[in-house]
Amino acid sequence: MTYRYLGLCISGTEDICAQILARRLKDLCGLSLSGGSVDFTTAVPYSDLNLFCFNNIFRVLYTAPAAPTPEGLAGFLRSLPSAPVDWLACRDNPRGARTFRLVSSCCGQLVSVPKKAKASLEEKLRAESGLRPDRSLPDSEFWTMVRSDGQGWLLKRLSRHKAYDKLLSPGELHPELAYMLCWLSDPKPGDIICDPFCGHTPGAVQAIPVQ
């Protein structure tokens, strides 16, 4: 069995993420880079990926060209109930999951979509996934997304974390960036690393020996 994923990353780090994937996943295929995202396929399930270079990781259920506008998103959403979506993957839910919500995004911004079209897709997702809609505190999220490259996506969100503005202190590095800096530096035992960030204290510099 293979899984197709879309990993969202810091814009400009796609090549770094691709290098990490190539080293970590021996069966990597279908690699495609776009602004702030990496599309890839592997037989490794999400529970074993352990890829810390991505902000979010999604299971790809369906993708097709769509205009990068709210109208294009609405048209893409309307087409989904009858599209050749990987509905089987919708049923692959964490133990205890009972609810979902549908999130819509256009060019990186959350947007509202026509209520009738949203309700139609929610009903299809309910029937296929075995989950019921809950827009307040869901166990799972499905995303409809159109990106600036003119591609539409139906995705199932796999990563689970709060918004960084609720997790990080001012000036603190995003975990993905910190991970990639460590990966690029490839430290060896005995190396001395100059850490200009010192956590998130402005203007401080320290030298850290690698154990």
N, C-alpha and C. Protein backbone atom coordinates (compact mmCIF):
# COMPACT_ATOMS: atom_id res chain seq x y z
N MET A 1 0.84 -1.20 0.00
CA MET A 1 0.00 0.00 0.00
C MET A 1 0.88 1.25 0.00
N THR A 2 0.50 2.23 -0.79
CA THR A 2 1.24 3.49 -0.82
C THR A 2 0.35 4.63 -0.34
N TYR A 3 1.00 5.68 0.09
CA TYR A 3 0.31 6.87 0.60
C TYR A 3 0.86 8.09 -0.15
N ARG A 4 -0.05 8.93 -0.58
CA ARG A 4 0.36 10.18 -1.21
C ARG A 4 0.15 11.31 -0.21
N TYR A 5 1.19 12.10 0.01
CA TYR A 5 1.16 13.18 1.00
C TYR A 5 1.43 14.53 0.34
N LEU A 6 0.92 15.57 0.97
CA LEU A 6 1.30 16.94 0.65
C LEU A 6 1.82 17.57 1.93
N GLY A 7 3.11 17.92 1.93
CA GLY A 7 3.71 18.57 3.08
C GLY A 7 3.86 20.06 2.81
N LEU A 8 3.34 20.88 3.73
CA LEU A 8 3.49 22.33 3.61
C LEU A 8 4.71 22.76 4.41
N CYS A 9 5.53 23.61 3.80
CA CYS A 9 6.79 24.01 4.43
C CYS A 9 6.98 25.51 4.29
N ILE A 10 8.03 26.01 4.93
CA ILE A 10 8.38 27.42 4.81
C ILE A 10 8.79 27.68 3.36
N SER A 11 8.21 28.71 2.76
CA SER A 11 8.50 29.01 1.36
C SER A 11 10.00 29.22 1.16
N GLY A 12 10.55 28.55 0.16
CA GLY A 12 11.98 28.64 -0.13
C GLY A 12 12.78 27.47 0.41
N THR A 13 12.14 26.61 1.22
CA THR A 13 12.86 25.46 1.78
C THR A 13 12.46 24.15 1.11
N GLU A 14 11.75 24.23 -0.02
CA GLU A 14 11.27 23.01 -0.67
C GLU A 14 12.42 22.06 -1.04
N ASP A 15 13.53 22.60 -1.56
CA ASP A 15 14.65 21.75 -1.96
C ASP A 15 15.27 21.05 -0.75
N ILE A 16 15.33 21.75 0.38
CA ILE A 16 15.87 21.14 1.60
C ILE A 16 14.97 20.00 2.04
N CYS A 17 13.66 20.23 2.02
CA CYS A 17 12.71 19.18 2.39
C CYS A 17 12.85 17.98 1.47
N ALA A 18 13.04 18.23 0.18
CA ALA A 18 13.20 17.14 -0.78
C ALA A 18 14.45 16.32 -0.47
N GLN A 19 15.54 17.00 -0.08
CA GLN A 19 16.77 16.28 0.28
C GLN A 19 16.56 15.41 1.52
N ILE A 20 15.82 15.96 2.50
CA ILE A 20 15.53 15.19 3.71
C ILE A 20 14.68 13.96 3.37
N LEU A 21 13.68 14.16 2.51
CA LEU A 21 12.83 13.04 2.10
C LEU A 21 13.65 11.96 1.39
N ALA A 22 14.53 12.38 0.48
CA ALA A 22 15.33 11.41 -0.28
C ALA A 22 16.22 10.58 0.62
N ARG A 23 16.71 11.19 1.70
CA ARG A 23 17.57 10.46 2.62
C ARG A 23 16.76 9.56 3.55
N ARG A 24 15.58 10.01 3.93
CA ARG A 24 14.78 9.28 4.92
C ARG A 24 13.93 8.18 4.32
N LEU A 25 13.45 8.37 3.07
CA LEU A 25 12.50 7.44 2.47
C LEU A 25 13.13 6.76 1.27
N LYS A 26 13.47 5.50 1.41
CA LYS A 26 14.16 4.76 0.34
C LYS A 26 13.25 4.51 -0.86
N ASP A 27 11.93 4.48 -0.63
CA ASP A 27 11.00 4.19 -1.72
C ASP A 27 10.30 5.46 -2.24
N LEU A 28 10.88 6.61 -1.95
CA LEU A 28 10.27 7.89 -2.33
C LEU A 28 10.00 7.95 -3.84
N CYS A 29 8.80 8.38 -4.21
CA CYS A 29 8.48 8.56 -5.63
C CYS A 29 7.44 9.67 -5.78
N GLY A 30 7.20 10.07 -7.02
CA GLY A 30 6.19 11.08 -7.29
C GLY A 30 6.51 12.43 -6.69
N LEU A 31 7.80 12.73 -6.52
CA LEU A 31 8.20 13.97 -5.85
C LEU A 31 7.91 15.18 -6.75
N SER A 32 7.20 16.17 -6.20
CA SER A 32 6.88 17.38 -6.94
C SER A 32 6.93 18.56 -5.98
N LEU A 33 7.70 19.59 -6.35
CA LEU A 33 7.88 20.77 -5.50
C LEU A 33 7.10 21.94 -6.06
N SER A 34 6.47 22.69 -5.16
CA SER A 34 5.79 23.92 -5.54
C SER A 34 6.03 24.93 -4.44
N GLY A 35 5.58 26.15 -4.62
CA GLY A 35 5.83 27.19 -3.63
C GLY A 35 5.30 26.83 -2.25
N GLY A 36 6.19 26.49 -1.33
CA GLY A 36 5.78 26.19 0.04
C GLY A 36 5.17 24.83 0.22
N SER A 37 5.40 23.89 -0.70
CA SER A 37 4.82 22.55 -0.54
C SER A 37 5.65 21.50 -1.26
N VAL A 38 5.53 20.26 -0.79
CA VAL A 38 6.17 19.11 -1.42
C VAL A 38 5.14 17.99 -1.50
N ASP A 39 4.92 17.50 -2.71
CA ASP A 39 3.98 16.40 -2.98
C ASP A 39 4.82 15.14 -3.17
N PHE A 40 4.52 14.07 -2.41
CA PHE A 40 5.34 12.86 -2.52
C PHE A 40 4.54 11.62 -2.15
N THR A 41 5.05 10.47 -2.60
CA THR A 41 4.40 9.19 -2.36
C THR A 41 5.40 8.22 -1.76
N THR A 42 4.92 7.42 -0.81
CA THR A 42 5.76 6.43 -0.13
C THR A 42 4.85 5.36 0.46
N ALA A 43 5.44 4.21 0.79
CA ALA A 43 4.70 3.16 1.47
C ALA A 43 4.73 3.33 2.99
N VAL A 44 5.43 4.34 3.47
CA VAL A 44 5.55 4.57 4.91
C VAL A 44 4.30 5.27 5.44
N PRO A 45 3.61 4.69 6.42
CA PRO A 45 2.42 5.35 6.98
C PRO A 45 2.80 6.59 7.78
N TYR A 46 1.84 7.45 7.99
CA TYR A 46 2.12 8.72 8.66
C TYR A 46 2.72 8.51 10.04
N SER A 47 2.28 7.47 10.76
CA SER A 47 2.76 7.23 12.12
C SER A 47 4.26 6.97 12.16
N ASP A 48 4.86 6.58 11.02
CA ASP A 48 6.30 6.29 10.97
C ASP A 48 7.10 7.32 10.18
N LEU A 49 6.47 8.38 9.69
CA LEU A 49 7.19 9.36 8.86
C LEU A 49 8.22 10.15 9.66
N ASN A 50 7.78 10.74 10.78
CA ASN A 50 8.67 11.54 11.63
C ASN A 50 9.43 12.59 10.81
N LEU A 51 8.67 13.35 10.02
CA LEU A 51 9.26 14.41 9.21
C LEU A 51 8.98 15.75 9.88
N PHE A 52 10.02 16.35 10.44
CA PHE A 52 9.84 17.58 11.22
C PHE A 52 10.12 18.84 10.42
N CYS A 53 10.32 18.69 9.10
CA CYS A 53 10.61 19.85 8.26
C CYS A 53 9.33 20.51 7.74
N PHE A 54 8.17 19.90 7.96
CA PHE A 54 6.90 20.43 7.44
C PHE A 54 6.07 21.09 8.53
N ASN A 55 5.40 22.18 8.14
CA ASN A 55 4.45 22.83 9.05
C ASN A 55 3.23 21.93 9.28
N ASN A 56 2.73 21.36 8.19
CA ASN A 56 1.59 20.46 8.23
C ASN A 56 1.76 19.39 7.16
N ILE A 57 1.22 18.21 7.43
CA ILE A 57 1.24 17.11 6.47
C ILE A 57 -0.19 16.65 6.25
N PHE A 58 -0.55 16.48 4.97
CA PHE A 58 -1.89 16.06 4.59
C PHE A 58 -1.83 14.77 3.77
N ARG A 59 -2.86 13.95 3.86
CA ARG A 59 -3.05 12.82 2.95
C ARG A 59 -3.80 13.36 1.73
N VAL A 60 -3.28 13.10 0.55
CA VAL A 60 -3.91 13.58 -0.68
C VAL A 60 -5.05 12.63 -1.06
N LEU A 61 -6.25 13.17 -1.16
CA LEU A 61 -7.43 12.40 -1.55
C LEU A 61 -7.78 12.61 -3.02
N TYR A 62 -7.47 13.81 -3.53
CA TYR A 62 -7.80 14.12 -4.93
C TYR A 62 -7.15 15.45 -5.27
N THR A 63 -6.74 15.59 -6.52
CA THR A 63 -6.20 16.86 -7.00
C THR A 63 -6.55 17.03 -8.47
N ALA A 64 -6.81 18.28 -8.86
CA ALA A 64 -7.17 18.60 -10.25
C ALA A 64 -6.96 20.09 -10.45
N PRO A 65 -6.78 20.53 -11.70
CA PRO A 65 -6.63 21.97 -11.94
C PRO A 65 -7.84 22.75 -11.46
N ALA A 66 -7.59 23.93 -10.91
CA ALA A 66 -8.66 24.82 -10.43
C ALA A 66 -8.12 26.24 -10.41
N ALA A 67 -8.95 27.17 -10.81
CA ALA A 67 -8.54 28.58 -10.83
C ALA A 67 -8.24 29.05 -9.40
N PRO A 68 -7.13 29.78 -9.20
CA PRO A 68 -6.75 30.23 -7.85
C PRO A 68 -7.54 31.46 -7.41
N THR A 69 -8.85 31.32 -7.38
CA THR A 69 -9.76 32.38 -6.97
C THR A 69 -10.85 31.77 -6.09
N PRO A 70 -11.57 32.58 -5.31
CA PRO A 70 -12.69 32.02 -4.53
C PRO A 70 -13.72 31.32 -5.41
N GLU A 71 -13.95 31.86 -6.61
CA GLU A 71 -14.90 31.22 -7.53
C GLU A 71 -14.35 29.87 -8.01
N GLY A 72 -13.05 29.82 -8.27
CA GLY A 72 -12.43 28.56 -8.68
C GLY A 72 -12.49 27.52 -7.57
N LEU A 73 -12.30 27.96 -6.34
CA LEU A 73 -12.41 27.06 -5.19
C LEU A 73 -13.83 26.53 -5.07
N ALA A 74 -14.83 27.41 -5.23
CA ALA A 74 -16.23 26.98 -5.13
C ALA A 74 -16.57 25.96 -6.20
N GLY A 75 -16.09 26.18 -7.43
CA GLY A 75 -16.34 25.23 -8.50
C GLY A 75 -15.65 23.89 -8.24
N PHE A 76 -14.44 23.94 -7.74
CA PHE A 76 -13.72 22.71 -7.41
C PHE A 76 -14.47 21.95 -6.32
N LEU A 77 -14.94 22.65 -5.31
CA LEU A 77 -15.66 22.02 -4.21
C LEU A 77 -16.94 21.34 -4.71
N ARG A 78 -17.65 22.00 -5.61
CA ARG A 78 -18.90 21.44 -6.15
C ARG A 78 -18.65 20.15 -6.93
N SER A 79 -17.47 20.04 -7.54
CA SER A 79 -17.17 18.87 -8.37
C SER A 79 -16.80 17.64 -7.55
N LEU A 80 -16.45 17.81 -6.29
CA LEU A 80 -15.85 16.73 -5.52
C LEU A 80 -16.77 15.55 -5.22
N PRO A 81 -18.05 15.76 -4.88
CA PRO A 81 -18.88 14.58 -4.57
C PRO A 81 -18.94 13.55 -5.68
N SER A 82 -18.77 13.95 -6.94
CA SER A 82 -18.82 13.00 -8.06
C SER A 82 -17.44 12.75 -8.68
N ALA A 83 -16.39 13.29 -8.09
CA ALA A 83 -15.03 13.12 -8.63
C ALA A 83 -14.44 11.78 -8.17
N PRO A 84 -13.39 11.29 -8.86
CA PRO A 84 -12.75 10.02 -8.47
C PRO A 84 -11.82 10.20 -7.27
N VAL A 85 -12.41 10.57 -6.16
CA VAL A 85 -11.68 10.80 -4.91
C VAL A 85 -11.27 9.46 -4.29
N ASP A 86 -10.17 9.44 -3.58
CA ASP A 86 -9.76 8.25 -2.83
C ASP A 86 -10.60 8.18 -1.56
N TRP A 87 -11.85 7.77 -1.73
CA TRP A 87 -12.78 7.75 -0.59
C TRP A 87 -12.34 6.72 0.45
N LEU A 88 -11.66 5.67 0.03
CA LEU A 88 -11.21 4.66 0.98
C LEU A 88 -10.29 5.27 2.03
N ALA A 89 -9.44 6.20 1.60
CA ALA A 89 -8.52 6.85 2.54
C ALA A 89 -9.26 7.69 3.57
N CYS A 90 -10.47 8.13 3.25
CA CYS A 90 -11.27 8.91 4.19
C CYS A 90 -11.62 8.10 5.43
N ARG A 91 -11.64 6.78 5.28
CA ARG A 91 -12.04 5.91 6.39
C ARG A 91 -10.87 5.54 7.29
N ASP A 92 -9.68 5.93 6.90
CA ASP A 92 -8.49 5.61 7.69
C ASP A 92 -8.34 6.67 8.79
N ASN A 93 -9.09 6.48 9.87
CA ASN A 93 -9.17 7.48 10.94
C ASN A 93 -8.49 6.99 12.22
N PRO A 94 -7.96 7.90 13.03
CA PRO A 94 -7.39 7.50 14.32
C PRO A 94 -8.45 6.85 15.20
N ARG A 95 -8.01 5.95 16.06
CA ARG A 95 -8.93 5.29 16.96
C ARG A 95 -9.65 6.33 17.83
N GLY A 96 -10.94 6.19 17.91
CA GLY A 96 -11.74 7.10 18.73
C GLY A 96 -12.24 8.33 18.00
N ALA A 97 -11.78 8.56 16.75
CA ALA A 97 -12.24 9.72 15.99
C ALA A 97 -13.70 9.54 15.59
N ARG A 98 -14.50 10.57 15.84
CA ARG A 98 -15.92 10.50 15.52
C ARG A 98 -16.42 11.69 14.70
N THR A 99 -15.66 12.78 14.67
CA THR A 99 -16.16 14.00 14.05
C THR A 99 -15.12 14.61 13.11
N PHE A 100 -15.59 15.49 12.23
CA PHE A 100 -14.69 16.20 11.32
C PHE A 100 -15.26 17.59 11.03
N ARG A 101 -14.40 18.44 10.52
CA ARG A 101 -14.86 19.70 9.93
C ARG A 101 -14.18 19.89 8.59
N LEU A 102 -14.81 20.67 7.74
CA LEU A 102 -14.30 20.96 6.41
C LEU A 102 -13.75 22.38 6.39
N VAL A 103 -12.48 22.51 6.02
CA VAL A 103 -11.79 23.80 5.97
C VAL A 103 -11.48 24.13 4.52
N SER A 104 -11.65 25.38 4.13
CA SER A 104 -11.40 25.80 2.75
C SER A 104 -10.37 26.92 2.71
N SER A 105 -9.45 26.80 1.76
CA SER A 105 -8.35 27.75 1.65
C SER A 105 -8.12 28.12 0.20
N CYS A 106 -7.87 29.42 -0.05
CA CYS A 106 -7.57 29.92 -1.38
C CYS A 106 -6.28 30.73 -1.32
N CYS A 107 -5.25 30.26 -2.00
CA CYS A 107 -3.96 30.95 -2.04
C CYS A 107 -3.43 31.27 -0.64
N GLY A 108 -3.55 30.30 0.25
CA GLY A 108 -2.99 30.43 1.59
C GLY A 108 -3.87 31.14 2.60
N GLN A 109 -5.08 31.56 2.20
CA GLN A 109 -5.98 32.26 3.10
C GLN A 109 -7.26 31.45 3.30
N LEU A 110 -7.69 31.31 4.56
CA LEU A 110 -8.95 30.63 4.82
C LEU A 110 -10.09 31.49 4.29
N VAL A 111 -11.03 30.86 3.59
CA VAL A 111 -12.13 31.59 2.98
C VAL A 111 -13.43 30.82 3.21
N SER A 112 -14.55 31.53 3.09
CA SER A 112 -15.85 30.89 3.15
C SER A 112 -16.23 30.43 1.74
N VAL A 113 -17.08 29.41 1.68
CA VAL A 113 -17.52 28.86 0.39
C VAL A 113 -19.04 28.76 0.42
N PRO A 114 -19.70 28.62 -0.75
CA PRO A 114 -21.16 28.53 -0.78
C PRO A 114 -21.69 27.44 0.15
N LYS A 115 -22.70 27.78 0.94
CA LYS A 115 -23.19 26.86 1.97
C LYS A 115 -23.72 25.56 1.37
N LYS A 116 -24.43 25.66 0.25
CA LYS A 116 -25.01 24.47 -0.35
C LYS A 116 -23.93 23.50 -0.82
N ALA A 117 -22.89 24.05 -1.47
CA ALA A 117 -21.79 23.21 -1.95
C ALA A 117 -21.04 22.59 -0.79
N LYS A 118 -20.83 23.36 0.27
CA LYS A 118 -20.14 22.84 1.45
C LYS A 118 -20.95 21.73 2.10
N ALA A 119 -22.26 21.94 2.24
CA ALA A 119 -23.12 20.93 2.86
C ALA A 119 -23.14 19.65 2.05
N SER A 120 -23.13 19.76 0.72
CA SER A 120 -23.14 18.58 -0.14
C SER A 120 -21.87 17.76 0.05
N LEU A 121 -20.71 18.43 0.11
CA LEU A 121 -19.46 17.71 0.30
C LEU A 121 -19.38 17.14 1.72
N GLU A 122 -19.85 17.89 2.70
CA GLU A 122 -19.86 17.38 4.07
C GLU A 122 -20.68 16.09 4.17
N GLU A 123 -21.82 16.04 3.49
CA GLU A 123 -22.66 14.85 3.51
C GLU A 123 -21.94 13.67 2.86
N LYS A 124 -21.23 13.92 1.76
CA LYS A 124 -20.48 12.87 1.10
C LYS A 124 -19.35 12.37 2.01
N LEU A 125 -18.65 13.28 2.64
CA LEU A 125 -17.58 12.90 3.56
C LEU A 125 -18.12 12.13 4.75
N ARG A 126 -19.29 12.53 5.24
CA ARG A 126 -19.91 11.81 6.36
C ARG A 126 -20.19 10.36 5.98
N ALA A 127 -20.76 10.18 4.78
CA ALA A 127 -21.11 8.83 4.33
C ALA A 127 -19.87 7.96 4.09
N GLU A 128 -18.82 8.57 3.55
CA GLU A 128 -17.63 7.80 3.19
C GLU A 128 -16.69 7.57 4.36
N SER A 129 -16.60 8.52 5.28
CA SER A 129 -15.62 8.43 6.36
C SER A 129 -16.16 7.78 7.63
N GLY A 130 -17.49 7.80 7.79
CA GLY A 130 -18.08 7.32 9.03
C GLY A 130 -18.02 8.33 10.16
N LEU A 131 -17.54 9.53 9.85
CA LEU A 131 -17.47 10.62 10.83
C LEU A 131 -18.66 11.56 10.63
N ARG A 132 -19.00 12.32 11.65
CA ARG A 132 -20.08 13.29 11.52
C ARG A 132 -19.50 14.71 11.60
N PRO A 133 -20.11 15.65 10.90
CA PRO A 133 -19.60 17.02 10.92
C PRO A 133 -19.69 17.66 12.30
N ASP A 134 -18.66 18.38 12.68
CA ASP A 134 -18.64 19.16 13.92
C ASP A 134 -17.69 20.32 13.67
N ARG A 135 -18.22 21.50 13.50
CA ARG A 135 -17.41 22.65 13.10
C ARG A 135 -16.72 23.34 14.28
N SER A 136 -16.97 22.90 15.50
CA SER A 136 -16.38 23.57 16.65
C SER A 136 -15.17 22.84 17.20
N LEU A 137 -15.33 21.58 17.62
CA LEU A 137 -14.24 20.82 18.21
C LEU A 137 -14.13 19.44 17.55
N PRO A 138 -13.68 19.39 16.29
CA PRO A 138 -13.65 18.11 15.58
C PRO A 138 -12.43 17.26 15.94
N ASP A 139 -12.54 15.97 15.67
CA ASP A 139 -11.40 15.07 15.83
C ASP A 139 -10.51 15.07 14.59
N SER A 140 -11.07 15.37 13.42
CA SER A 140 -10.33 15.33 12.15
C SER A 140 -10.70 16.54 11.31
N GLU A 141 -9.85 16.83 10.32
CA GLU A 141 -10.12 17.92 9.39
C GLU A 141 -9.91 17.45 7.96
N PHE A 142 -10.84 17.81 7.08
CA PHE A 142 -10.66 17.69 5.64
C PHE A 142 -10.51 19.10 5.09
N TRP A 143 -9.62 19.27 4.12
CA TRP A 143 -9.37 20.59 3.54
C TRP A 143 -9.64 20.56 2.04
N THR A 144 -10.34 21.58 1.56
CA THR A 144 -10.37 21.88 0.13
C THR A 144 -9.49 23.12 -0.06
N MET A 145 -8.62 23.04 -1.04
CA MET A 145 -7.60 24.08 -1.18
C MET A 145 -7.31 24.32 -2.66
N VAL A 146 -7.24 25.59 -3.05
CA VAL A 146 -6.67 25.93 -4.35
C VAL A 146 -5.45 26.82 -4.08
N ARG A 147 -4.38 26.55 -4.83
CA ARG A 147 -3.13 27.26 -4.62
C ARG A 147 -2.83 28.14 -5.81
N SER A 148 -1.87 29.03 -5.65
CA SER A 148 -1.58 30.02 -6.67
C SER A 148 -1.07 29.41 -7.97
N ASP A 149 -0.64 28.13 -7.93
CA ASP A 149 -0.17 27.47 -9.15
C ASP A 149 -1.32 26.90 -9.97
N GLY A 150 -2.58 27.12 -9.54
CA GLY A 150 -3.74 26.68 -10.30
C GLY A 150 -4.12 25.22 -10.08
N GLN A 151 -3.75 24.68 -8.92
CA GLN A 151 -4.08 23.30 -8.61
C GLN A 151 -5.03 23.26 -7.41
N GLY A 152 -6.07 22.43 -7.53
CA GLY A 152 -7.02 22.24 -6.43
C GLY A 152 -6.74 20.92 -5.73
N TRP A 153 -6.99 20.90 -4.42
CA TRP A 153 -6.68 19.72 -3.61
C TRP A 153 -7.83 19.42 -2.65
N LEU A 154 -8.14 18.12 -2.50
CA LEU A 154 -8.95 17.65 -1.37
C LEU A 154 -8.00 16.84 -0.50
N LEU A 155 -7.87 17.24 0.75
CA LEU A 155 -6.84 16.71 1.64
C LEU A 155 -7.43 16.31 2.98
N LYS A 156 -6.76 15.38 3.62
CA LYS A 156 -7.08 15.02 4.99
C LYS A 156 -5.89 15.39 5.85
N ARG A 157 -6.11 16.27 6.82
CA ARG A 157 -5.00 16.74 7.65
C ARG A 157 -4.57 15.64 8.62
N LEU A 158 -3.26 15.39 8.66
CA LEU A 158 -2.72 14.36 9.53
C LEU A 158 -2.00 14.94 10.73
N SER A 159 -1.29 16.06 10.56
CA SER A 159 -0.56 16.67 11.67
C SER A 159 -1.54 17.37 12.60
N ARG A 160 -1.18 17.40 13.88
CA ARG A 160 -2.06 18.01 14.87
C ARG A 160 -1.23 18.88 15.80
N HIS A 161 -1.32 20.18 15.66
CA HIS A 161 -0.69 21.09 16.62
C HIS A 161 -1.42 22.41 16.61
N LYS A 162 -1.31 23.14 17.68
CA LYS A 162 -1.96 24.44 17.78
C LYS A 162 -1.21 25.46 16.92
N ALA A 163 -1.87 26.59 16.68
CA ALA A 163 -1.23 27.67 15.93
C ALA A 163 0.02 28.13 16.69
N TYR A 164 1.08 28.44 15.92
CA TYR A 164 2.34 28.79 16.56
C TYR A 164 2.26 30.06 17.40
N ASP A 165 1.33 30.96 17.07
CA ASP A 165 1.23 32.17 17.87
C ASP A 165 0.77 31.86 19.29
N LYS A 166 0.26 30.64 19.52
CA LYS A 166 -0.16 30.21 20.86
C LYS A 166 0.90 29.35 21.54
N LEU A 167 1.90 28.92 20.78
CA LEU A 167 2.91 28.00 21.30
C LEU A 167 4.26 28.66 21.53
N LEU A 168 4.62 29.63 20.67
CA LEU A 168 5.97 30.18 20.68
C LEU A 168 6.02 31.56 21.30
N SER A 169 7.15 31.86 21.93
CA SER A 169 7.40 33.20 22.45
C SER A 169 7.87 34.11 21.32
N PRO A 170 7.72 35.43 21.47
CA PRO A 170 8.20 36.35 20.42
C PRO A 170 9.68 36.13 20.13
N GLY A 171 10.02 35.98 18.85
CA GLY A 171 11.40 35.77 18.44
C GLY A 171 11.84 34.32 18.44
N GLU A 172 11.02 33.41 18.96
CA GLU A 172 11.40 31.99 19.00
C GLU A 172 11.26 31.37 17.61
N LEU A 173 12.26 30.57 17.21
CA LEU A 173 12.25 29.95 15.89
C LEU A 173 11.13 28.93 15.77
N HIS A 174 10.53 28.87 14.58
CA HIS A 174 9.59 27.78 14.32
C HIS A 174 10.33 26.46 14.37
N PRO A 175 9.73 25.43 14.93
CA PRO A 175 10.42 24.13 15.05
C PRO A 175 10.94 23.60 13.71
N GLU A 176 10.19 23.82 12.61
CA GLU A 176 10.62 23.32 11.30
C GLU A 176 11.93 23.98 10.87
N LEU A 177 12.04 25.29 11.10
CA LEU A 177 13.25 26.01 10.72
C LEU A 177 14.42 25.55 11.57
N ALA A 178 14.20 25.38 12.88
CA ALA A 178 15.26 24.91 13.76
C ALA A 178 15.73 23.52 13.34
N TYR A 179 14.78 22.67 12.96
CA TYR A 179 15.13 21.31 12.52
C TYR A 179 15.99 21.35 11.26
N MET A 180 15.60 22.19 10.29
CA MET A 180 16.35 22.25 9.05
C MET A 180 17.75 22.85 9.25
N LEU A 181 17.88 23.82 10.16
CA LEU A 181 19.20 24.37 10.46
C LEU A 181 20.11 23.29 11.04
N CYS A 182 19.56 22.47 11.93
CA CYS A 182 20.35 21.38 12.50
C CYS A 182 20.72 20.36 11.43
N TRP A 183 19.76 20.06 10.55
CA TRP A 183 20.01 19.06 9.50
C TRP A 183 21.08 19.56 8.53
N LEU A 184 21.02 20.83 8.16
CA LEU A 184 22.00 21.39 7.22
C LEU A 184 23.39 21.45 7.83
N SER A 185 23.47 21.74 9.12
CA SER A 185 24.79 21.86 9.76
C SER A 185 25.44 20.49 9.96
N ASP A 186 24.62 19.43 10.04
CA ASP A 186 25.12 18.05 10.17
C ASP A 186 26.21 17.96 11.23
N PRO A 187 25.91 18.32 12.48
CA PRO A 187 26.96 18.35 13.52
C PRO A 187 27.50 16.96 13.84
N LYS A 188 28.80 16.91 14.16
CA LYS A 188 29.48 15.68 14.55
C LYS A 188 29.98 15.83 16.00
N PRO A 189 30.13 14.71 16.70
CA PRO A 189 30.69 14.80 18.06
C PRO A 189 32.02 15.53 18.07
N GLY A 190 32.16 16.50 18.98
CA GLY A 190 33.37 17.30 19.08
C GLY A 190 33.29 18.63 18.38
N ASP A 191 32.30 18.82 17.50
CA ASP A 191 32.13 20.11 16.83
C ASP A 191 31.71 21.18 17.84
N ILE A 192 32.09 22.42 17.54
CA ILE A 192 31.63 23.58 18.32
C ILE A 192 30.67 24.37 17.44
N ILE A 193 29.47 24.61 17.94
CA ILE A 193 28.46 25.33 17.16
C ILE A 193 28.23 26.70 17.78
N CYS A 194 28.31 27.73 16.96
CA CYS A 194 27.96 29.08 17.39
C CYS A 194 26.46 29.26 17.25
N ASP A 195 25.78 29.47 18.35
CA ASP A 195 24.33 29.63 18.36
C ASP A 195 24.01 31.11 18.55
N PRO A 196 23.75 31.86 17.46
CA PRO A 196 23.47 33.29 17.60
C PRO A 196 22.08 33.57 18.15
N PHE A 197 21.26 32.54 18.27
CA PHE A 197 19.88 32.76 18.69
C PHE A 197 19.72 32.58 20.20
N CYS A 198 20.46 31.62 20.79
CA CYS A 198 20.39 31.38 22.23
C CYS A 198 18.94 31.24 22.69
N GLY A 199 18.25 30.31 22.11
CA GLY A 199 16.83 30.20 22.42
C GLY A 199 16.09 31.26 21.64
N HIS A 200 15.66 32.33 22.34
CA HIS A 200 15.05 33.45 21.63
C HIS A 200 15.40 34.77 22.30
N THR A 201 16.65 34.86 22.83
CA THR A 201 17.09 36.09 23.47
C THR A 201 17.77 36.98 22.43
N PRO A 202 17.24 38.18 22.15
CA PRO A 202 17.84 39.04 21.13
C PRO A 202 19.28 39.41 21.47
N GLY A 203 20.16 39.32 20.48
CA GLY A 203 21.51 39.84 20.62
C GLY A 203 22.48 38.94 21.35
N ALA A 204 22.05 37.77 21.82
CA ALA A 204 22.95 36.89 22.56
C ALA A 204 23.61 35.88 21.64
N VAL A 205 24.85 35.52 21.97
CA VAL A 205 25.58 34.52 21.19
C VAL A 205 26.25 33.57 22.18
N GLN A 206 26.19 32.25 21.88
CA GLN A 206 26.89 31.30 22.72
C GLN A 206 27.49 30.20 21.86
N ALA A 207 28.54 29.57 22.37
CA ALA A 207 29.16 28.43 21.70
C ALA A 207 28.77 27.16 22.44
N ILE A 208 28.30 26.17 21.70
CA ILE A 208 27.81 24.94 22.31
C ILE A 208 28.62 23.77 21.79
N PRO A 209 29.28 23.01 22.69
CA PRO A 209 29.98 21.80 22.22
C PRO A 209 28.99 20.69 21.91
N VAL A 210 29.23 19.96 20.82
CA VAL A 210 28.38 18.83 20.45
C VAL A 210 28.88 17.59 21.15
N GLN A 211 27.97 16.92 21.86
CA GLN A 211 28.35 15.70 22.60
C GLN A 211 28.36 14.49 21.67
